[in-house]
Protein backbone atom coordinates (compact mmCIF):
# COMPACT_ATOMS: atom_id res chain seq x y z
CA MET A 1 22.13 -12.47 -4.13
CA LYS A 2 20.15 -9.49 -5.41
CA LYS A 3 16.37 -9.36 -5.11
CA LYS A 4 14.45 -8.98 -8.37
CA ILE A 5 11.92 -6.37 -9.43
CA PHE A 6 9.91 -7.30 -12.53
CA LYS A 7 8.51 -4.78 -15.02
CA PHE A 8 5.84 -6.45 -17.16
CA LEU A 9 4.02 -4.96 -20.15
CA ASN A 10 1.01 -4.25 -17.93
CA GLY A 11 2.33 -4.00 -14.40
CA VAL A 12 5.14 -4.49 -11.89
CA ALA A 13 6.11 -7.09 -9.29
CA TYR A 14 8.36 -6.18 -6.37
CA PRO A 15 9.57 -7.95 -3.22
CA ARG A 16 8.11 -7.12 0.17
CA TYR A 17 8.81 -8.58 3.60
CA ASP A 18 6.07 -11.23 3.24
CA GLY A 19 6.43 -12.14 -0.45
CA TYR A 20 5.89 -10.31 -3.73
CA ARG A 21 3.39 -7.55 -4.46
CA VAL A 22 2.09 -7.46 -8.02
CA ARG A 23 0.40 -4.29 -9.29
CA VAL A 24 -1.46 -4.89 -12.54
CA GLY A 25 -2.36 -1.94 -14.74
CA LEU A 26 -0.71 0.08 -17.49
CA LYS A 27 -0.13 3.04 -15.16
CA TRP A 28 2.28 1.29 -12.74
CA GLU A 29 6.01 1.90 -13.29
CA ILE A 30 9.34 1.56 -11.57
CA SER A 31 11.39 4.74 -12.06
CA ASP A 32 14.48 6.42 -10.67
CA SER A 33 13.73 7.82 -7.24
CA ILE A 34 13.10 11.53 -6.83
CA ASP A 35 14.18 11.40 -3.17
CA LEU A 36 17.19 9.10 -2.91
CA GLU A 37 20.18 8.62 -5.16
CA ASN A 38 20.83 5.15 -6.55
CA HIS A 39 17.26 3.96 -5.82
CA TRP A 40 14.18 2.93 -7.77
CA GLN A 41 10.68 3.95 -6.74
CA LEU A 42 7.13 2.78 -7.44
CA VAL A 43 5.14 5.29 -9.50
CA LYS A 44 1.52 5.40 -10.66
CA SER A 45 0.98 7.74 -13.61
CA CYS A 46 -2.31 9.45 -14.39
CA GLN A 47 -3.27 12.08 -16.96
CA VAL A 48 -2.75 14.95 -14.54
CA HIS A 49 -0.34 13.72 -11.83
CA ASP A 50 2.31 11.12 -11.13
CA TYR A 51 1.98 9.54 -7.68
CA TRP A 52 5.34 8.64 -6.16
CA PHE A 53 5.12 6.02 -3.40
CA LEU A 54 7.75 7.15 -0.89
CA LEU A 55 7.61 3.95 1.15
CA VAL A 56 8.18 1.68 -1.86
CA GLN A 57 11.79 2.35 -2.83
CA PHE A 58 14.53 -0.11 -3.72
CA ASP A 59 18.30 0.26 -3.52
CA LYS A 60 19.94 -0.41 -6.89
CA GLU A 61 22.83 -2.12 -5.08
CA THR A 62 20.56 -4.85 -3.67
CA HIS A 63 17.84 -5.11 -6.37
CA ASP A 64 17.86 -5.91 -10.10
CA LEU A 65 15.22 -4.49 -12.43
CA ILE A 66 14.17 -7.12 -14.99
CA PHE A 67 12.04 -6.24 -18.02
CA VAL A 68 9.62 -9.01 -19.01
CA ASP A 69 8.15 -8.90 -22.53
CA GLU A 70 4.88 -10.48 -21.38
CA LYS A 71 1.70 -9.38 -19.65
CA VAL A 72 1.02 -10.35 -16.05
CA GLY A 73 -1.09 -13.49 -15.92
CA ASN A 74 -2.50 -15.42 -13.01
CA GLU A 75 -0.52 -16.74 -10.06
CA SER A 76 0.60 -19.90 -11.86
CA HIS A 77 2.00 -17.75 -14.70
CA LEU A 78 3.86 -15.58 -12.19
CA ARG A 79 5.47 -18.69 -10.64
CA GLN A 80 7.74 -18.83 -13.72
CA PHE A 81 9.39 -15.66 -12.42
CA ILE A 82 8.71 -15.92 -8.66
CA PRO A 83 9.14 -19.61 -7.78
CA THR A 84 8.76 -19.34 -3.99
CA GLY A 85 6.98 -17.15 -1.46
CA ASN A 86 3.60 -15.49 -1.31
CA ILE A 87 2.23 -13.52 -4.27
CA PHE A 88 -0.29 -10.76 -3.67
CA ILE A 89 -1.96 -9.44 -6.85
CA THR A 90 -3.78 -6.09 -7.05
CA ARG A 91 -5.53 -5.12 -10.28
CA THR A 92 -6.24 -1.41 -10.82
């Protein structure tokens, strides 16, 4: 079973070893990796630079990218998409 990465209107949620990390903010994206083929990578865009997080990459063979046409809400709202495990929310 593939793990799921969620792209919301105002953030992203991705699996980590201890649950899901949720990054809230319009600047967070999941994009094709600049380092590895067939991978996605976490990116934070700013006016001048794009910051590529080298340690947050996901193999496309083992992860599905799901686009959600909603904004990230609180933890109970996120439970619709992530029913089990810990959820860690960071708002930037």
